[in-house]
C-alpha atoms as a PDB file:
ATOM      1  CA  MET A   1     -39.472  33.372 -37.814  1.00  0.00           C
ATOM      2  CA  PRO A   2     -37.988  36.898 -38.070  1.00  0.00           C
ATOM      3  CA  TYR A   3     -34.233  37.017 -38.520  1.00  0.00           C
ATOM      4  CA  VAL A   4     -32.294  37.782 -35.342  1.00  0.00           C
ATOM      5  CA  PRO A   5     -28.733  39.044 -35.954  1.00  0.00           C
ATOM      6  CA  PHE A   6     -25.890  36.827 -34.840  1.00  0.00           C
ATOM      7  CA  SER A   7     -24.663  39.359 -32.274  1.00  0.00           C
ATOM      8  CA  GLN A   8     -28.060  39.348 -30.581  1.00  0.00           C
ATOM      9  CA  ARG A   9     -28.398  35.574 -30.639  1.00  0.00           C
ATOM     10  CA  THR A  10     -25.032  35.002 -29.017  1.00  0.00           C
ATOM     11  CA  GLU A  11     -24.790  38.197 -26.945  1.00  0.00           C
ATOM     12  CA  LEU A  12     -21.576  38.990 -28.800  1.00  0.00           C
ATOM     13  CA  GLU A  13     -20.671  41.916 -31.040  1.00  0.00           C
ATOM     14  CA  PRO A  14     -18.073  40.413 -33.370  1.00  0.00           C
ATOM     15  CA  ILE A  15     -17.995  43.216 -35.944  1.00  0.00           C
ATOM     16  CA  PRO A  16     -14.953  45.415 -35.242  1.00  0.00           C
ATOM     17  CA  PRO A  17     -15.676  49.163 -35.235  1.00  0.00           C
ATOM     18  CA  GLN A  18     -13.350  49.747 -38.219  1.00  0.00           C
ATOM     19  CA  LEU A  19     -15.934  47.933 -40.375  1.00  0.00           C
ATOM     20  CA  LYS A  20     -19.026  49.685 -39.011  1.00  0.00           C
ATOM     21  CA  LEU A  21     -19.530  52.030 -41.929  1.00  0.00           C
ATOM     22  CA  GLY A  22     -22.255  54.602 -41.465  1.00  0.00           C
ATOM     23  CA  GLU A  23     -21.908  54.570 -37.680  1.00  0.00           C
ATOM     24  CA  VAL A  24     -20.291  56.916 -35.198  1.00  0.00           C
ATOM     25  CA  SER A  25     -19.735  55.846 -31.606  1.00  0.00           C
ATOM     26  CA  ALA A  26     -20.657  57.822 -28.514  1.00  0.00           C
ATOM     27  CA  GLU A  27     -16.982  57.699 -27.570  1.00  0.00           C
ATOM     28  CA  LEU A  28     -15.993  59.459 -30.802  1.00  0.00           C
ATOM     29  CA  ARG A  29     -18.666  62.117 -30.319  1.00  0.00           C
ATOM     30  CA  HIS A  30     -17.433  62.804 -26.796  1.00  0.00           C
ATOM     31  CA  LEU A  31     -13.814  63.076 -27.901  1.00  0.00           C
ATOM     32  CA  LEU A  32     -14.629  65.393 -30.788  1.00  0.00           C
ATOM     33  CA  TYR A  33     -16.464  67.777 -28.471  1.00  0.00           C
ATOM     34  CA  TYR A  34     -13.728  67.513 -25.843  1.00  0.00           C
ATOM     35  CA  TYR A  35     -10.958  68.533 -28.241  1.00  0.00           C
ATOM     36  CA  ILE A  36     -13.004  71.342 -29.781  1.00  0.00           C
ATOM     37  CA  SER A  37     -13.892  72.669 -26.318  1.00  0.00           C
ATOM     38  CA  LEU A  38     -10.199  72.642 -25.366  1.00  0.00           C
ATOM     39  CA  GLU A  39      -9.454  74.720 -28.463  1.00  0.00           C
ATOM     40  CA  ILE A  40     -12.168  77.205 -27.526  1.00  0.00           C
ATOM     41  CA  ASP A  41     -10.732  77.484 -24.008  1.00  0.00           C
ATOM     42  CA  ARG A  42      -7.279  78.142 -25.450  1.00  0.00           C
ATOM     43  CA  GLU A  43      -8.578  80.726 -27.896  1.00  0.00           C
ATOM     44  CA  SER A  44     -10.799  82.760 -25.550  1.00  0.00           C
ATOM     45  CA  TYR A  45     -10.283  84.999 -22.544  1.00  0.00           C
ATOM     46  CA  ALA A  46     -12.388  86.169 -19.642  1.00  0.00           C
ATOM     47  CA  THR A  47     -13.880  89.640 -19.306  1.00  0.00           C
ATOM     48  CA  PHE A  48     -15.841  90.950 -16.349  1.00  0.00           C
ATOM     49  CA  ASP A  49     -19.054  89.173 -17.421  1.00  0.00           C
ATOM     50  CA  ALA A  50     -18.149  86.548 -20.044  1.00  0.00           C
ATOM     51  CA  SER A  51     -15.459  84.691 -21.970  1.00  0.00           C
ATOM     52  CA  ILE A  52     -14.978  85.939 -25.510  1.00  0.00           C
ATOM     53  CA  PHE A  53     -12.900  84.761 -28.452  1.00  0.00           C
ATOM     54  CA  ASN A  54      -9.595  86.255 -29.449  1.00  0.00           C
ATOM     55  CA  ASP A  55      -9.457  87.811 -32.921  1.00  0.00           C
ATOM     56  CA  GLU A  56      -8.375  84.656 -34.788  1.00  0.00           C
ATOM     57  CA  TRP A  57     -10.984  82.381 -33.320  1.00  0.00           C
ATOM     58  CA  ARG A  58     -13.696  85.006 -33.459  1.00  0.00           C
ATOM     59  CA  ARG A  59     -13.383  84.657 -37.232  1.00  0.00           C
ATOM     60  CA  VAL A  60     -13.576  80.853 -36.926  1.00  0.00           C
ATOM     61  CA  ALA A  61     -16.710  81.129 -34.799  1.00  0.00           C
ATOM     62  CA  MET A  62     -18.242  83.704 -37.139  1.00  0.00           C
ATOM     63  CA  ASP A  63     -17.546  81.489 -40.170  1.00  0.00           C
ATOM     64  CA  LEU A  64     -19.061  78.546 -38.323  1.00  0.00           C
ATOM     65  CA  HIS A  65     -22.159  80.587 -37.515  1.00  0.00           C
ATOM     66  CA  VAL A  66     -22.650  82.003 -41.015  1.00  0.00           C
ATOM     67  CA  LEU A  67     -21.018  79.558 -43.445  1.00  0.00           C
ATOM     68  CA  PHE A  68     -21.657  76.252 -41.694  1.00  0.00           C
ATOM     69  CA  PHE A  69     -24.920  76.792 -39.811  1.00  0.00           C
ATOM     70  CA  GLY A  70     -26.261  79.290 -42.370  1.00  0.00           C
ATOM     71  CA  ARG A  71     -27.339  81.885 -39.814  1.00  0.00           C
ATOM     72  CA  SER A  72     -27.463  85.650 -40.068  1.00  0.00           C
ATOM     73  CA  PRO A  73     -24.230  87.519 -39.151  1.00  0.00           C
ATOM     74  CA  ASN A  74     -26.402  89.944 -37.155  1.00  0.00           C
ATOM     75  CA  LYS A  75     -27.328  87.142 -34.770  1.00  0.00           C
ATOM     76  CA  PHE A  76     -23.794  86.016 -34.039  1.00  0.00           C
ATOM     77  CA  ASN A  77     -22.963  85.497 -30.362  1.00  0.00           C
ATOM     78  CA  GLY A  78     -19.260  85.949 -29.681  1.00  0.00           C
ATOM     79  CA  ARG A  79     -19.311  84.410 -26.236  1.00  0.00           C
ATOM     80  CA  ALA A  80     -17.273  81.248 -25.900  1.00  0.00           C
ATOM     81  CA  TYR A  81     -19.567  79.482 -23.431  1.00  0.00           C
ATOM     82  CA  GLU A  82     -22.682  79.818 -25.596  1.00  0.00           C
ATOM     83  CA  ASN A  83     -20.780  78.544 -28.639  1.00  0.00           C
ATOM     84  CA  LYS A  84     -19.544  75.517 -26.678  1.00  0.00           C
ATOM     85  CA  GLN A  85     -23.089  74.710 -25.605  1.00  0.00           C
ATOM     86  CA  CYS A  86     -24.333  74.954 -29.194  1.00  0.00           C
ATOM     87  CA  LEU A  87     -21.555  72.691 -30.437  1.00  0.00           C
ATOM     88  CA  ASP A  88     -22.111  70.150 -27.668  1.00  0.00           C
ATOM     89  CA  VAL A  89     -25.779  69.748 -28.617  1.00  0.00           C
ATOM     90  CA  PHE A  90     -24.965  69.537 -32.313  1.00  0.00           C
ATOM     91  CA  ILE A  91     -22.144  67.006 -31.921  1.00  0.00           C
ATOM     92  CA  GLN A  92     -24.199  64.674 -29.739  1.00  0.00           C
ATOM     93  CA  ARG A  93     -27.297  64.776 -31.963  1.00  0.00           C
ATOM     94  CA  ALA A  94     -26.080  65.265 -35.531  1.00  0.00           C
ATOM     95  CA  SER A  95     -26.235  62.523 -38.141  1.00  0.00           C
ATOM     96  CA  ILE A  96     -22.902  61.081 -39.164  1.00  0.00           C
ATOM     97  CA  GLY A  97     -22.880  63.124 -42.380  1.00  0.00           C
ATOM     98  CA  LYS A  98     -23.518  66.450 -40.662  1.00  0.00           C
ATOM     99  CA  LEU A  99     -21.105  65.606 -37.852  1.00  0.00           C
ATOM    100  CA  PHE A 100     -18.283  64.824 -40.258  1.00  0.00           C
ATOM    101  CA  ASN A 101     -19.063  68.007 -42.204  1.00  0.00           C
ATOM    102  CA  LEU A 102     -18.439  69.888 -38.964  1.00  0.00           C
ATOM    103  CA  VAL A 103     -15.144  68.101 -38.360  1.00  0.00           C
ATOM    104  CA  GLU A 104     -14.008  68.860 -41.898  1.00  0.00           C
ATOM    105  CA  PHE A 105     -14.926  72.516 -41.356  1.00  0.00           C
ATOM    106  CA  PHE A 106     -12.533  72.674 -38.401  1.00  0.00           C
ATOM    107  CA  VAL A 107      -9.651  70.734 -39.948  1.00  0.00           C
ATOM    108  CA  ARG A 108      -9.800  72.844 -43.121  1.00  0.00           C
ATOM    109  CA  HIS A 109     -10.154  76.246 -41.471  1.00  0.00           C
ATOM    110  CA  ARG A 110      -6.898  78.238 -41.414  1.00  0.00           C
ATOM    111  CA  GLY A 111      -7.825  79.801 -38.076  1.00  0.00           C
ATOM    112  CA  CYS A 112      -7.873  76.469 -36.203  1.00  0.00           C
ATOM    113  CA  SER A 113      -4.655  75.431 -34.523  1.00  0.00           C
ATOM    114  CA  GLY A 114      -2.471  72.552 -35.586  1.00  0.00           C
ATOM    115  CA  GLU A 115      -3.050  71.102 -32.122  1.00  0.00           C
ATOM    116  CA  LEU A 116      -6.805  70.925 -32.675  1.00  0.00           C
ATOM    117  CA  LYS A 117      -6.357  69.326 -36.087  1.00  0.00           C
ATOM    118  CA  ARG A 118      -3.984  66.699 -34.682  1.00  0.00           C
ATOM    119  CA  GLU A 119      -6.328  65.944 -31.782  1.00  0.00           C
ATOM    120  CA  LEU A 120      -9.361  65.562 -34.034  1.00  0.00           C
ATOM    121  CA  ALA A 121      -7.423  63.120 -36.207  1.00  0.00           C
ATOM    122  CA  TYR A 122      -6.316  61.259 -33.073  1.00  0.00           C
ATOM    123  CA  ALA A 123      -9.945  60.927 -31.924  1.00  0.00           C
ATOM    124  CA  PHE A 124     -10.791  58.851 -35.009  1.00  0.00           C
ATOM    125  CA  VAL A 125      -7.748  56.626 -34.489  1.00  0.00           C
ATOM    126  CA  THR A 126      -8.108  56.034 -30.766  1.00  0.00           C
ATOM    127  CA  THR A 127     -11.808  55.137 -31.035  1.00  0.00           C
ATOM    128  CA  ARG A 128     -11.068  52.666 -33.892  1.00  0.00           C
ATOM    129  CA  SER A 129     -13.543  54.484 -36.096  1.00  0.00           C
ATOM    130  CA  ALA A 130     -14.322  53.163 -39.549  1.00  0.00           C
ATOM    131  CA  TYR A 131     -13.183  56.577 -40.796  1.00  0.00           C
ATOM    132  CA  ARG A 132     -10.016  58.705 -40.675  1.00  0.00           C
ATOM    133  CA  ILE A 133      -8.993  62.287 -41.402  1.00  0.00           C
ATOM    134  CA  PHE A 134      -6.617  62.524 -44.359  1.00  0.00           C
ATOM    135  CA  ASP A 135      -4.329  65.458 -45.214  1.00  0.00           C
ATOM    136  CA  ASN A 136      -6.165  67.767 -42.796  1.00  0.00           C
ATOM    137  CA  LYS A 137      -8.817  68.096 -45.470  1.00  0.00           C
ATOM    138  CA  TYR A 138     -11.327  65.301 -45.616  1.00  0.00           C
ATOM    139  CA  ILE A 139     -12.739  62.255 -43.864  1.00  0.00           C
ATOM    140  CA  SER A 140     -12.820  58.903 -45.621  1.00  0.00           C
ATOM    141  CA  ALA A 141     -13.577  55.301 -44.725  1.00  0.00           C
ATOM    142  CA  ILE A 142     -10.622  52.992 -44.146  1.00  0.00           C
ATOM    143  CA  GLY A 143     -12.620  49.814 -44.705  1.00  0.00           C
ATOM    144  CA  THR A 144     -15.207  48.917 -47.326  1.00  0.00           C
ATOM    145  CA  GLU A 145     -18.772  47.691 -47.262  1.00  0.00           C
ATOM    146  CA  GLU A 146     -17.558  44.562 -49.022  1.00  0.00           C
ATOM    147  CA  GLN A 147     -15.096  43.783 -46.219  1.00  0.00           C
ATOM    148  CA  ALA A 148     -17.784  44.252 -43.583  1.00  0.00           C
ATOM    149  CA  ALA A 149     -20.268  42.106 -45.500  1.00  0.00           C
ATOM    150  CA  ALA A 150     -17.659  39.376 -46.052  1.00  0.00           C
ATOM    151  CA  PHE A 151     -16.846  39.244 -42.350  1.00  0.00           C
ATOM    152  CA  GLU A 152     -20.493  39.069 -41.263  1.00  0.00           C
ATOM    153  CA  ARG A 153     -21.294  36.459 -43.902  1.00  0.00           C
ATOM    154  CA  ALA A 154     -18.348  34.268 -42.909  1.00  0.00           C
ATOM    155  CA  ILE A 155     -19.372  34.368 -39.242  1.00  0.00           C
ATOM    156  CA  ALA A 156     -22.917  33.366 -40.157  1.00  0.00           C
ATOM    157  CA  ASP A 157     -21.778  30.676 -42.616  1.00  0.00           C
ATOM    158  CA  ALA A 158     -19.387  29.140 -40.093  1.00  0.00           C
ATOM    159  CA  GLU A 159     -22.070  29.111 -37.440  1.00  0.00           C
ATOM    160  CA  ALA A 160     -24.659  27.563 -39.768  1.00  0.00           C
ATOM    161  CA  THR A 161     -22.303  24.704 -40.680  1.00  0.00           C
ATOM    162  CA  ASN A 162     -20.875  24.171 -37.184  1.00  0.00           C
ATOM    163  CA  ALA A 163     -17.404  25.225 -38.348  1.00  0.00           C
ATOM    164  CA  THR A 164     -16.614  26.245 -34.782  1.00  0.00           C
ATOM    165  CA  ALA A 165     -12.839  26.489 -35.166  1.00  0.00           C
ATOM    166  CA  ALA A 166     -13.011  28.872 -38.112  1.00  0.00           C
ATOM    167  CA  ARG A 167     -15.748  30.903 -36.417  1.00  0.00           C
ATOM    168  CA  LYS A 168     -13.654  31.211 -33.261  1.00  0.00           C
ATOM    169  CA  GLN A 169     -10.606  32.399 -35.211  1.00  0.00           C
ATOM    170  CA  LEU A 170     -12.649  34.940 -37.186  1.00  0.00           C
ATOM    171  CA  ILE A 171     -14.081  36.434 -34.011  1.00  0.00           C
ATOM    172  CA  ALA A 172     -10.565  36.524 -32.512  1.00  0.00           C
ATOM    173  CA  ALA A 173      -9.377  38.385 -35.619  1.00  0.00           C
ATOM    174  CA  GLY A 174     -12.142  40.934 -35.162  1.00  0.00           C
ATOM    175  CA  VAL A 175     -11.211  41.411 -31.510  1.00  0.00           C
ATOM    176  CA  ALA A 176      -7.561  41.908 -32.463  1.00  0.00           C
ATOM    177  CA  LEU A 177      -8.554  44.534 -35.030  1.00  0.00           C
ATOM    178  CA  ARG A 178     -10.666  46.321 -32.417  1.00  0.00           C
ATOM    179  CA  ASN A 179      -7.684  46.286 -30.029  1.00  0.00           C
ATOM    180  CA  ALA A 180      -5.245  47.646 -32.634  1.00  0.00           C
ATOM    181  CA  ASP A 181      -3.334  44.355 -32.643  1.00  0.00           C
ATOM    182  CA  TRP A 182      -2.702  44.388 -36.377  1.00  0.00           C
ATOM    183  CA  ALA A 183      -0.354  41.392 -36.396  1.00  0.00           C
ATOM    184  CA  GLY A 184      -2.808  39.465 -34.248  1.00  0.00           C
ATOM    185  CA  CYS A 185      -5.625  40.240 -36.687  1.00  0.00           C
ATOM    186  CA  VAL A 186      -3.570  38.951 -39.623  1.00  0.00           C
ATOM    187  CA  ARG A 187      -2.567  35.843 -37.668  1.00  0.00           C
ATOM    188  CA  GLU A 188      -6.089  34.956 -36.549  1.00  0.00           C
ATOM    189  CA  SER A 189      -7.496  35.677 -40.021  1.00  0.00           C
ATOM    190  CA  ILE A 190      -5.142  33.244 -41.731  1.00  0.00           C
ATOM    191  CA  HIS A 191      -5.719  30.730 -38.920  1.00  0.00           C
ATOM    192  CA  ALA A 192      -9.451  30.876 -39.706  1.00  0.00           C
ATOM    193  CA  VAL A 193      -8.718  29.852 -43.283  1.00  0.00           C
ATOM    194  CA  GLU A 194      -6.336  27.159 -42.084  1.00  0.00           C
ATOM    195  CA  ALA A 195      -8.915  25.783 -39.639  1.00  0.00           C
ATOM    196  CA  MET A 196     -11.548  25.699 -42.381  1.00  0.00           C
ATOM    197  CA  ALA A 197      -9.291  24.079 -44.989  1.00  0.00           C
ATOM    198  CA  VAL A 198      -7.874  21.486 -42.600  1.00  0.00           C
ATOM    199  CA  GLY A 199     -11.403  20.651 -41.455  1.00  0.00           C
ATOM    200  CA  LEU A 200     -12.407  19.940 -45.040  1.00  0.00           C
ATOM    201  CA  ALA A 201      -9.254  18.011 -45.939  1.00  0.00           C
ATOM    202  CA  ALA A 202      -8.881  15.087 -43.572  1.00  0.00           C
ATOM    203  CA  ASP A 203      -5.404  13.928 -42.538  1.00  0.00           C
ATOM    204  CA  THR A 204      -3.839  17.348 -43.131  1.00  0.00           C
ATOM    205  CA  ASP A 205      -2.608  19.739 -40.480  1.00  0.00           C
ATOM    206  CA  THR A 206      -1.371  22.794 -42.393  1.00  0.00           C
ATOM    207  CA  LEU A 207      -3.006  25.204 -44.799  1.00  0.00           C
ATOM    208  CA  GLY A 208      -0.630  24.371 -47.642  1.00  0.00           C
ATOM    209  CA  ALA A 209      -1.303  20.649 -47.442  1.00  0.00           C
ATOM    210  CA  ALA A 210      -5.049  21.172 -47.083  1.00  0.00           C
ATOM    211  CA  LEU A 211      -5.234  23.477 -50.097  1.00  0.00           C
ATOM    212  CA  LYS A 212      -3.377  20.929 -52.190  1.00  0.00           C
ATOM    213  CA  VAL A 213      -5.891  18.218 -51.270  1.00  0.00           C
ATOM    214  CA  LEU A 214      -8.837  20.496 -52.009  1.00  0.00           C
ATOM    215  CA  GLU A 215      -7.343  21.387 -55.382  1.00  0.00           C
ATOM    216  CA  GLN A 216      -6.914  17.718 -56.253  1.00  0.00           C
ATOM    217  CA  ARG A 217     -10.545  17.088 -55.396  1.00  0.00           C
ATOM    218  CA  GLY A 218     -11.595  19.844 -57.771  1.00  0.00           C
ATOM    219  CA  HIS A 219     -12.931  21.963 -54.924  1.00  0.00           C
ATOM    220  CA  LEU A 220     -10.407  24.753 -55.394  1.00  0.00           C
ATOM    221  CA  HIS A 221      -9.152  26.544 -58.484  1.00  0.00           C
ATOM    222  CA  GLY A 222      -5.388  26.518 -58.863  1.00  0.00           C
ATOM    223  CA  SER A 223      -5.174  30.310 -59.019  1.00  0.00           C
ATOM    224  CA  LEU A 224      -7.008  30.668 -55.698  1.00  0.00           C
ATOM    225  CA  LYS A 225      -4.765  28.036 -54.182  1.00  0.00           C
ATOM    226  CA  ALA A 226      -1.698  29.974 -55.321  1.00  0.00           C
ATOM    227  CA  ALA A 227      -3.095  33.277 -54.078  1.00  0.00           C
ATOM    228  CA  PHE A 228      -3.808  32.023 -50.579  1.00  0.00           C
ATOM    229  CA  GLY A 229      -0.587  30.097 -50.531  1.00  0.00           C
ATOM    230  CA  SER A 230       1.157  33.427 -51.085  1.00  0.00           C
ATOM    231  CA  LEU A 231      -0.842  35.122 -48.322  1.00  0.00           C
ATOM    232  CA  TYR A 232       0.016  32.251 -45.994  1.00  0.00           C
ATOM    233  CA  GLY A 233       3.661  32.658 -46.927  1.00  0.00           C
ATOM    234  CA  TYR A 234       3.476  36.389 -46.214  1.00  0.00           C
ATOM    235  CA  SER A 235       2.044  35.822 -42.760  1.00  0.00           C
ATOM    236  CA  SER A 236       4.629  33.149 -42.062  1.00  0.00           C
ATOM    237  CA  ASN A 237       7.596  35.231 -43.220  1.00  0.00           C
ATOM    238  CA  GLU A 238       6.609  38.528 -41.572  1.00  0.00           C
ATOM    239  CA  GLU A 239       8.265  38.566 -38.155  1.00  0.00           C
ATOM    240  CA  GLY A 240       5.783  38.887 -35.346  1.00  0.00           C
ATOM    241  CA  VAL A 241       2.755  37.718 -37.298  1.00  0.00           C
ATOM    242  CA  ARG A 242       2.695  33.933 -37.067  1.00  0.00           C
ATOM    243  CA  HIS A 243       5.928  33.569 -35.106  1.00  0.00           C
ATOM    244  CA  ALA A 244       7.428  35.256 -32.082  1.00  0.00           C
ATOM    245  CA  LEU A 245       9.007  38.646 -32.547  1.00  0.00           C
ATOM    246  CA  VAL A 246      12.770  38.726 -32.975  1.00  0.00           C
ATOM    247  CA  PHE A 247      14.310  40.821 -30.191  1.00  0.00           C
ATOM    248  CA  ASP A 248      12.173  43.942 -29.685  1.00  0.00           C
ATOM    249  CA  ASP A 249      11.220  44.648 -33.292  1.00  0.00           C
ATOM    250  CA  GLU A 250       7.566  45.073 -34.090  1.00  0.00           C
ATOM    251  CA  ALA A 251       5.878  43.255 -36.944  1.00  0.00           C
ATOM    252  CA  GLN A 252       5.712  45.389 -40.072  1.00  0.00           C
ATOM    253  CA  VAL A 253       1.933  45.174 -40.264  1.00  0.00           C
ATOM    254  CA  ASP A 254      -0.463  48.097 -40.122  1.00  0.00           C
ATOM    255  CA  GLU A 255      -4.210  48.653 -39.939  1.00  0.00           C
ATOM    256  CA  ALA A 256      -4.640  48.544 -43.715  1.00  0.00           C
ATOM    257  CA  ASP A 257      -2.911  45.143 -43.850  1.00  0.00           C
ATOM    258  CA  ALA A 258      -5.133  43.859 -41.046  1.00  0.00           C
ATOM    259  CA  LEU A 259      -8.340  45.076 -42.698  1.00  0.00           C
ATOM    260  CA  PHE A 260      -7.379  43.523 -46.020  1.00  0.00           C
ATOM    261  CA  MET A 261      -6.460  40.157 -44.494  1.00  0.00           C
ATOM    262  CA  LEU A 262      -9.619  40.016 -42.403  1.00  0.00           C
ATOM    263  CA  GLY A 263     -11.831  40.695 -45.414  1.00  0.00           C
ATOM    264  CA  ALA A 264      -9.928  38.378 -47.748  1.00  0.00           C
ATOM    265  CA  CYS A 265      -9.760  35.504 -45.294  1.00  0.00           C
ATOM    266  CA  ALA A 266     -13.407  35.872 -44.306  1.00  0.00           C
ATOM    267  CA  SER A 267     -14.393  35.662 -47.971  1.00  0.00           C
ATOM    268  CA  PHE A 268     -12.230  32.580 -48.431  1.00  0.00           C
ATOM    269  CA  VAL A 269     -13.786  30.861 -45.417  1.00  0.00           C
ATOM    270  CA  SER A 270     -17.254  31.351 -46.960  1.00  0.00           C
ATOM    271  CA  TYR A 271     -15.924  30.146 -50.327  1.00  0.00           C
ATOM    272  CA  LEU A 272     -14.484  26.966 -48.808  1.00  0.00           C
ATOM    273  CA  LEU A 273     -17.738  26.289 -46.979  1.00  0.00           C
ATOM    274  CA  ALA A 274     -19.677  26.668 -50.208  1.00  0.00           C
ATOM    275  CA  ARG A 275     -17.264  24.497 -52.195  1.00  0.00           C
ATOM    276  CA  GLY A 276     -16.732  21.889 -49.494  1.00  0.00           C
END
């Protein structure tokens, strides 16, 4: 039988967008065009028959026409509306590589406003893209292919072995990451490991105790036990991760922490399934 992806079999889409390398969402495309069109509106003015660019943005548009699209300067159209239409079509249809080249053109161009550059960066954050703009210069992935593969593999492994508790926690971690709940992602990730370890080590109810039993059985190397013991300790000690927040302070956990914990814990779930 042909392989049917997990998300299609269960009508779920567990992979958080931050791990969808090589993809760009329709929401991100719409936001990118929206913020660029706002910049064009700010940097153009109406004449009796058309809207044209001011001097600064006329140079931006000319550079876009000649340097980015590789067209003849003699065929440049300085009307704002026509340029917006051209950009709309390009942004909605371009491959991810060409689209991100366009974004980098705008964030690097000295004629573009700081407001546009901030809004373009915000678009990547608010849509939970797998990519971010760094230093107003370049776009780079925030996750890795290895993290994405580890997460997908752990979901499939847990499903194949009926490890329903670990599978449930992994999916919850992915949902938390999608919703920008970084502490929640860390918490659910470590809970997935705990559920898996406790399931393999009967008569235990905590990760530490379960790891000790698995080590004694020869199913877990001591170094791995120590490493995940430390990660468990981190999640336990960080306020707002595994325990309630103290007063109104927020947990000191960010997106990078959440991505790392999700990938690491997913890999460990698959490891425990293989060893158990």
